[in-house]
Amino acid sequence: TLSLIFQGGLQEKFLALARLCRSVLCCR
């Protein structure tokens, strides 16, 4: 999913979603 975010230019949406969460865990 991270590779799709970085290749698809979805960084802004990822950050907007991450700001709504108390913690973000990147696995695998």
PDB file of all heavy atoms in Angstrom:
ATOM      1  N   THR A   1       0.829  -1.203   0.000  1.00  0.00           N
ATOM      2  CA  THR A   1       0.000   0.000   0.000  1.00  0.00           C
ATOM      3  C   THR A   1       0.864   1.255   0.000  1.00  0.00           C
ATOM      4  O   THR A   1       0.543   2.249  -0.665  1.00  0.00           O
ATOM      5  CB  THR A   1      -0.930   0.000   1.228  1.00  0.00           C
ATOM      6  OG1 THR A   1      -1.596  -1.261   1.306  1.00  0.00           O
ATOM      7  CG2 THR A   1      -1.958   1.098   1.131  1.00  0.00           C
ATOM      8  N   LEU A   2       1.965   1.224   0.737  1.00  0.00           N
ATOM      9  CA  LEU A   2       2.884   2.368   0.737  1.00  0.00           C
ATOM     10  C   LEU A   2       3.462   2.623  -0.644  1.00  0.00           C
ATOM     11  O   LEU A   2       3.610   3.768  -1.059  1.00  0.00           O
ATOM     12  CB  LEU A   2       4.013   2.150   1.745  1.00  0.00           C
ATOM     13  CG  LEU A   2       3.696   2.442   3.202  1.00  0.00           C
ATOM     14  CD1 LEU A   2       4.871   2.062   4.088  1.00  0.00           C
ATOM     15  CD2 LEU A   2       3.336   3.899   3.396  1.00  0.00           C
ATOM     16  N   SER A   3       3.802   1.562  -1.357  1.00  0.00           N
ATOM     17  CA  SER A   3       4.343   1.759  -2.710  1.00  0.00           C
ATOM     18  C   SER A   3       3.288   2.362  -3.634  1.00  0.00           C
ATOM     19  O   SER A   3       3.601   3.201  -4.475  1.00  0.00           O
ATOM     20  CB  SER A   3       4.877   0.441  -3.275  1.00  0.00           C
ATOM     21  OG  SER A   3       3.827  -0.492  -3.430  1.00  0.00           O
ATOM     22  N   LEU A   4       2.018   1.966  -3.488  1.00  0.00           N
ATOM     23  CA  LEU A   4       0.946   2.584  -4.277  1.00  0.00           C
ATOM     24  C   LEU A   4       0.783   4.062  -3.918  1.00  0.00           C
ATOM     25  O   LEU A   4       0.536   4.899  -4.792  1.00  0.00           O
ATOM     26  CB  LEU A   4      -0.376   1.846  -4.043  1.00  0.00           C
ATOM     27  CG  LEU A   4      -0.488   0.444  -4.620  1.00  0.00           C
ATOM     28  CD1 LEU A   4      -1.785  -0.215  -4.161  1.00  0.00           C
ATOM     29  CD2 LEU A   4      -0.434   0.492  -6.134  1.00  0.00           C
ATOM     30  N   ILE A   5       0.925   4.381  -2.647  1.00  0.00           N
ATOM     31  CA  ILE A   5       0.775   5.779  -2.206  1.00  0.00           C
ATOM     32  C   ILE A   5       1.879   6.646  -2.798  1.00  0.00           C
ATOM     33  O   ILE A   5       1.619   7.724  -3.329  1.00  0.00           O
ATOM     34  CB  ILE A   5       0.775   5.849  -0.668  1.00  0.00           C
ATOM     35  CG1 ILE A   5      -0.530   5.282  -0.122  1.00  0.00           C
ATOM     36  CG2 ILE A   5       0.991   7.266  -0.173  1.00  0.00           C
ATOM     37  CD1 ILE A   5      -0.548   5.087   1.376  1.00  0.00           C
ATOM     38  N   PHE A   6       3.115   6.167  -2.717  1.00  0.00           N
ATOM     39  CA  PHE A   6       4.240   6.981  -3.185  1.00  0.00           C
ATOM     40  C   PHE A   6       4.313   7.043  -4.706  1.00  0.00           C
ATOM     41  O   PHE A   6       4.713   8.061  -5.263  1.00  0.00           O
ATOM     42  CB  PHE A   6       5.561   6.464  -2.605  1.00  0.00           C
ATOM     43  CG  PHE A   6       5.728   6.789  -1.146  1.00  0.00           C
ATOM     44  CD1 PHE A   6       5.847   5.782  -0.214  1.00  0.00           C
ATOM     45  CD2 PHE A   6       5.747   8.095  -0.703  1.00  0.00           C
ATOM     46  CE1 PHE A   6       5.996   6.072   1.128  1.00  0.00           C
ATOM     47  CE2 PHE A   6       5.889   8.403   0.631  1.00  0.00           C
ATOM     48  CZ  PHE A   6       6.016   7.389   1.558  1.00  0.00           C
ATOM     49  N   GLN A   7       3.949   5.971  -5.399  1.00  0.00           N
ATOM     50  CA  GLN A   7       3.993   5.991  -6.855  1.00  0.00           C
ATOM     51  C   GLN A   7       2.790   6.705  -7.459  1.00  0.00           C
ATOM     52  O   GLN A   7       2.883   7.282  -8.533  1.00  0.00           O
ATOM     53  CB  GLN A   7       4.066   4.557  -7.394  1.00  0.00           C
ATOM     54  CG  GLN A   7       5.388   3.885  -7.106  1.00  0.00           C
ATOM     55  CD  GLN A   7       5.389   2.413  -7.496  1.00  0.00           C
ATOM     56  OE1 GLN A   7       4.381   1.877  -7.943  1.00  0.00           O
ATOM     57  NE2 GLN A   7       6.539   1.767  -7.307  1.00  0.00           N
ATOM     58  N   GLY A   8       1.651   6.671  -6.761  1.00  0.00           N
ATOM     59  CA  GLY A   8       0.430   7.275  -7.292  1.00  0.00           C
ATOM     60  C   GLY A   8       0.229   8.723  -6.904  1.00  0.00           C
ATOM     61  O   GLY A   8      -0.794   9.320  -7.260  1.00  0.00           O
ATOM     62  N   GLY A   9       1.166   9.296  -6.143  1.00  0.00           N
ATOM     63  CA  GLY A   9       1.033  10.695  -5.734  1.00  0.00           C
ATOM     64  C   GLY A   9      -0.069  10.923  -4.708  1.00  0.00           C
ATOM     65  O   GLY A   9      -0.723  11.959  -4.714  1.00  0.00           O
ATOM     66  N   LEU A  10      -0.270   9.956  -3.848  1.00  0.00           N
ATOM     67  CA  LEU A  10      -1.336  10.049  -2.848  1.00  0.00           C
ATOM     68  C   LEU A  10      -0.802  10.423  -1.464  1.00  0.00           C
ATOM     69  O   LEU A  10      -1.451  10.139  -0.459  1.00  0.00           O
ATOM     70  CB  LEU A  10      -2.084   8.710  -2.762  1.00  0.00           C
ATOM     71  CG  LEU A  10      -2.724   8.207  -4.056  1.00  0.00           C
ATOM     72  CD1 LEU A  10      -3.229   6.788  -3.897  1.00  0.00           C
ATOM     73  CD2 LEU A  10      -3.849   9.134  -4.456  1.00  0.00           C
ATOM     74  N   GLN A  11       0.342  11.073  -1.425  1.00  0.00           N
ATOM     75  CA  GLN A  11       0.952  11.402  -0.142  1.00  0.00           C
ATOM     76  C   GLN A  11       0.072  12.331   0.687  1.00  0.00           C
ATOM     77  O   GLN A  11      -0.026  12.181   1.909  1.00  0.00           O
ATOM     78  CB  GLN A  11       2.337  12.056  -0.330  1.00  0.00           C
ATOM     79  CG  GLN A  11       3.374  11.126  -0.862  1.00  0.00           C
ATOM     80  CD  GLN A  11       3.537  11.231  -2.369  1.00  0.00           C
ATOM     81  OE1 GLN A  11       2.640  11.676  -3.067  1.00  0.00           O
ATOM     82  NE2 GLN A  11       4.675  10.806  -2.863  1.00  0.00           N
ATOM     83  N   GLU A  12      -0.567  13.299   0.053  1.00  0.00           N
ATOM     84  CA  GLU A  12      -1.405  14.263   0.771  1.00  0.00           C
ATOM     85  C   GLU A  12      -2.586  13.560   1.442  1.00  0.00           C
ATOM     86  O   GLU A  12      -2.918  13.844   2.595  1.00  0.00           O
ATOM     87  CB  GLU A  12      -1.909  15.358  -0.172  1.00  0.00           C
ATOM     88  CG  GLU A  12      -0.835  16.076  -0.961  1.00  0.00           C
ATOM     89  CD  GLU A  12       0.145  16.824  -0.087  1.00  0.00           C
ATOM     90  OE1 GLU A  12      -0.264  17.300   0.981  1.00  0.00           O
ATOM     91  OE2 GLU A  12       1.313  16.923  -0.462  1.00  0.00           O
ATOM     92  N   LYS A  13      -3.221  12.648   0.713  1.00  0.00           N
ATOM     93  CA  LYS A  13      -4.363  11.916   1.279  1.00  0.00           C
ATOM     94  C   LYS A  13      -3.916  10.980   2.400  1.00  0.00           C
ATOM     95  O   LYS A  13      -4.613  10.814   3.406  1.00  0.00           O
ATOM     96  CB  LYS A  13      -5.090  11.144   0.182  1.00  0.00           C
ATOM     97  CG  LYS A  13      -5.793  12.043  -0.798  1.00  0.00           C
ATOM     98  CD  LYS A  13      -6.542  11.257  -1.842  1.00  0.00           C
ATOM     99  CE  LYS A  13      -7.216  12.234  -2.799  1.00  0.00           C
ATOM    100  NZ  LYS A  13      -7.958  11.559  -3.849  1.00  0.00           N
ATOM    101  N   PHE A  14      -2.749  10.379   2.221  1.00  0.00           N
ATOM    102  CA  PHE A  14      -2.200   9.512   3.269  1.00  0.00           C
ATOM    103  C   PHE A  14      -1.928  10.315   4.538  1.00  0.00           C
ATOM    104  O   PHE A  14      -2.261   9.880   5.645  1.00  0.00           O
ATOM    105  CB  PHE A  14      -0.920   8.839   2.764  1.00  0.00           C
ATOM    106  CG  PHE A  14      -0.161   8.099   3.828  1.00  0.00           C
ATOM    107  CD1 PHE A  14      -0.705   6.991   4.447  1.00  0.00           C
ATOM    108  CD2 PHE A  14       1.098   8.510   4.208  1.00  0.00           C
ATOM    109  CE1 PHE A  14      -0.001   6.306   5.429  1.00  0.00           C
ATOM    110  CE2 PHE A  14       1.805   7.846   5.187  1.00  0.00           C
ATOM    111  CZ  PHE A  14       1.254   6.737   5.799  1.00  0.00           C
ATOM    112  N   LEU A  15      -1.355  11.501   4.389  1.00  0.00           N
ATOM    113  CA  LEU A  15      -1.087  12.347   5.555  1.00  0.00           C
ATOM    114  C   LEU A  15      -2.371  12.827   6.213  1.00  0.00           C
ATOM    115  O   LEU A  15      -2.451  12.911   7.447  1.00  0.00           O
ATOM    116  CB  LEU A  15      -0.229  13.547   5.162  1.00  0.00           C
ATOM    117  CG  LEU A  15       1.261  13.292   5.073  1.00  0.00           C
ATOM    118  CD1 LEU A  15       1.975  14.533   4.596  1.00  0.00           C
ATOM    119  CD2 LEU A  15       1.813  12.845   6.393  1.00  0.00           C
ATOM    120  N   ALA A  16      -3.388  13.144   5.406  1.00  0.00           N
ATOM    121  CA  ALA A  16      -4.670  13.572   5.976  1.00  0.00           C
ATOM    122  C   ALA A  16      -5.290  12.444   6.799  1.00  0.00           C
ATOM    123  O   ALA A  16      -5.823  12.677   7.888  1.00  0.00           O
ATOM    124  CB  ALA A  16      -5.613  14.012   4.866  1.00  0.00           C
ATOM    125  N   LEU A  17      -5.199  11.224   6.302  1.00  0.00           N
ATOM    126  CA  LEU A  17      -5.713  10.076   7.046  1.00  0.00           C
ATOM    127  C   LEU A  17      -4.878   9.800   8.289  1.00  0.00           C
ATOM    128  O   LEU A  17      -5.412   9.529   9.364  1.00  0.00           O
ATOM    129  CB  LEU A  17      -5.742   8.838   6.139  1.00  0.00           C
ATOM    130  CG  LEU A  17      -6.193   7.523   6.781  1.00  0.00           C
ATOM    131  CD1 LEU A  17      -7.639   7.651   7.255  1.00  0.00           C
ATOM    132  CD2 LEU A  17      -6.042   6.379   5.795  1.00  0.00           C
ATOM    133  N   ALA A  18      -3.574   9.904   8.151  1.00  0.00           N
ATOM    134  CA  ALA A  18      -2.679   9.636   9.287  1.00  0.00           C
ATOM    135  C   ALA A  18      -2.864  10.659  10.399  1.00  0.00           C
ATOM    136  O   ALA A  18      -2.733  10.315  11.581  1.00  0.00           O
ATOM    137  CB  ALA A  18      -1.234   9.629   8.820  1.00  0.00           C
ATOM    138  N   ARG A  19      -3.185  11.882  10.073  1.00  0.00           N
ATOM    139  CA  ARG A  19      -3.399  12.924  11.096  1.00  0.00           C
ATOM    140  C   ARG A  19      -4.630  12.647  11.938  1.00  0.00           C
ATOM    141  O   ARG A  19      -4.733  13.116  13.067  1.00  0.00           O
ATOM    142  CB  ARG A  19      -3.519  14.289  10.447  1.00  0.00           C
ATOM    143  CG  ARG A  19      -2.202  14.790   9.897  1.00  0.00           C
ATOM    144  CD  ARG A  19      -2.346  16.157   9.384  1.00  0.00           C
ATOM    145  NE  ARG A  19      -2.358  17.058  10.547  1.00  0.00           N
ATOM    146  CZ  ARG A  19      -1.979  18.315  10.495  1.00  0.00           C
ATOM    147  NH1 ARG A  19      -1.589  18.823   9.358  1.00  0.00           N
ATOM    148  NH2 ARG A  19      -2.013  19.068  11.562  1.00  0.00           N
ATOM    149  N   LEU A  20      -5.582  11.899  11.393  1.00  0.00           N
ATOM    150  CA  LEU A  20      -6.787  11.570  12.138  1.00  0.00           C
ATOM    151  C   LEU A  20      -6.569  10.416  13.117  1.00  0.00           C
ATOM    152  O   LEU A  20      -7.424  10.165  13.964  1.00  0.00           O
ATOM    153  CB  LEU A  20      -7.925  11.215  11.171  1.00  0.00           C
ATOM    154  CG  LEU A  20      -8.353  12.322  10.207  1.00  0.00           C
ATOM    155  CD1 LEU A  20      -9.370  11.786   9.216  1.00  0.00           C
ATOM    156  CD2 LEU A  20      -8.914  13.491  10.982  1.00  0.00           C
ATOM    157  N   CYS A  21      -5.441   9.737  13.005  1.00  0.00           N
ATOM    158  CA  CYS A  21      -5.172   8.572  13.849  1.00  0.00           C
ATOM    159  C   CYS A  21      -4.221   8.931  14.978  1.00  0.00           C
ATOM    160  O   CYS A  21      -3.379   9.812  14.841  1.00  0.00           O
ATOM    161  CB  CYS A  21      -4.548   7.454  13.004  1.00  0.00           C
ATOM    162  SG  CYS A  21      -5.588   6.949  11.638  1.00  0.00           S
ATOM    163  N   ARG A  22      -4.358   8.207  16.076  1.00  0.00           N
ATOM    164  CA  ARG A  22      -3.458   8.434  17.208  1.00  0.00           C
ATOM    165  C   ARG A  22      -2.118   7.757  16.974  1.00  0.00           C
ATOM    166  O   ARG A  22      -1.101   8.192  17.499  1.00  0.00           O
ATOM    167  CB  ARG A  22      -4.083   7.908  18.495  1.00  0.00           C
ATOM    168  CG  ARG A  22      -5.282   8.746  18.923  1.00  0.00           C
ATOM    169  CD  ARG A  22      -5.802   8.349  20.253  1.00  0.00           C
ATOM    170  NE  ARG A  22      -4.825   8.710  21.262  1.00  0.00           N
ATOM    171  CZ  ARG A  22      -4.908   8.322  22.517  1.00  0.00           C
ATOM    172  NH1 ARG A  22      -5.897   7.563  22.905  1.00  0.00           N
ATOM    173  NH2 ARG A  22      -3.988   8.689  23.382  1.00  0.00           N
ATOM    174  N   SER A  23      -2.106   6.667  16.213  1.00  0.00           N
ATOM    175  CA  SER A  23      -0.846   5.993  15.893  1.00  0.00           C
ATOM    176  C   SER A  23      -0.933   5.400  14.498  1.00  0.00           C
ATOM    177  O   SER A  23      -2.001   5.027  14.028  1.00  0.00           O
ATOM    178  CB  SER A  23      -0.540   4.900  16.921  1.00  0.00           C
ATOM    179  OG  SER A  23      -1.548   3.915  16.894  1.00  0.00           O
ATOM    180  N   VAL A  24       0.224   5.353  13.851  1.00  0.00           N
ATOM    181  CA  VAL A  24       0.324   4.787  12.506  1.00  0.00           C
ATOM    182  C   VAL A  24       1.417   3.732  12.542  1.00  0.00           C
ATOM    183  O   VAL A  24       2.528   4.005  12.985  1.00  0.00           O
ATOM    184  CB  VAL A  24       0.661   5.877  11.463  1.00  0.00           C
ATOM    185  CG1 VAL A  24       0.822   5.272  10.081  1.00  0.00           C
ATOM    186  CG2 VAL A  24      -0.401   6.950  11.456  1.00  0.00           C
ATOM    187  N   LEU A  25       1.106   2.549  12.080  1.00  0.00           N
ATOM    188  CA  LEU A  25       2.051   1.437  12.087  1.00  0.00           C
ATOM    189  C   LEU A  25       2.281   0.981  10.654  1.00  0.00           C
ATOM    190  O   LEU A  25       1.341   0.624   9.948  1.00  0.00           O
ATOM    191  CB  LEU A  25       1.501   0.283  12.937  1.00  0.00           C
ATOM    192  CG  LEU A  25       2.354  -0.959  13.037  1.00  0.00           C
ATOM    193  CD1 LEU A  25       3.614  -0.649  13.819  1.00  0.00           C
ATOM    194  CD2 LEU A  25       1.587  -2.070  13.694  1.00  0.00           C
ATOM    195  N   CYS A  26       3.535   1.021  10.216  1.00  0.00           N
ATOM    196  CA  CYS A  26       3.895   0.539   8.889  1.00  0.00           C
ATOM    197  C   CYS A  26       4.532  -0.831   9.048  1.00  0.00           C
ATOM    198  O   CYS A  26       5.574  -0.957   9.685  1.00  0.00           O
ATOM    199  CB  CYS A  26       4.872   1.501   8.215  1.00  0.00           C
ATOM    200  SG  CYS A  26       4.211   3.153   7.991  1.00  0.00           S
ATOM    201  N   CYS A  27       3.919  -1.835   8.465  1.00  0.00           N
ATOM    202  CA  CYS A  27       4.460  -3.194   8.579  1.00  0.00           C
ATOM    203  C   CYS A  27       4.755  -3.749   7.188  1.00  0.00           C
ATOM    204  O   CYS A  27       4.211  -3.293   6.186  1.00  0.00           O
ATOM    205  CB  CYS A  27       3.483  -4.096   9.322  1.00  0.00           C
ATOM    206  SG  CYS A  27       1.889  -4.265   8.521  1.00  0.00           S
ATOM    207  N   ARG A  28       5.640  -4.700   7.157  1.00  0.00           N
ATOM    208  CA  ARG A  28       6.033  -5.353   5.903  1.00  0.00           C
ATOM    209  C   ARG A  28       6.464  -4.336   4.850  1.00  0.00           C
ATOM    210  O   ARG A  28       6.080  -4.419   3.684  1.00  0.00           O
ATOM    211  CB  ARG A  28       4.908  -6.221   5.357  1.00  0.00           C
ATOM    212  CG  ARG A  28       4.401  -7.274   6.280  1.00  0.00           C
ATOM    213  CD  ARG A  28       5.358  -8.421   6.354  1.00  0.00           C
ATOM    214  NE  ARG A  28       4.824  -9.458   7.227  1.00  0.00           N
ATOM    215  CZ  ARG A  28       5.578 -10.193   8.013  1.00  0.00           C
ATOM    216  NH1 ARG A  28       6.874  -9.993   8.033  1.00  0.00           N
ATOM    217  NH2 ARG A  28       5.040 -11.104   8.763  1.00  0.00           N
TER     218      ARG A  28
END
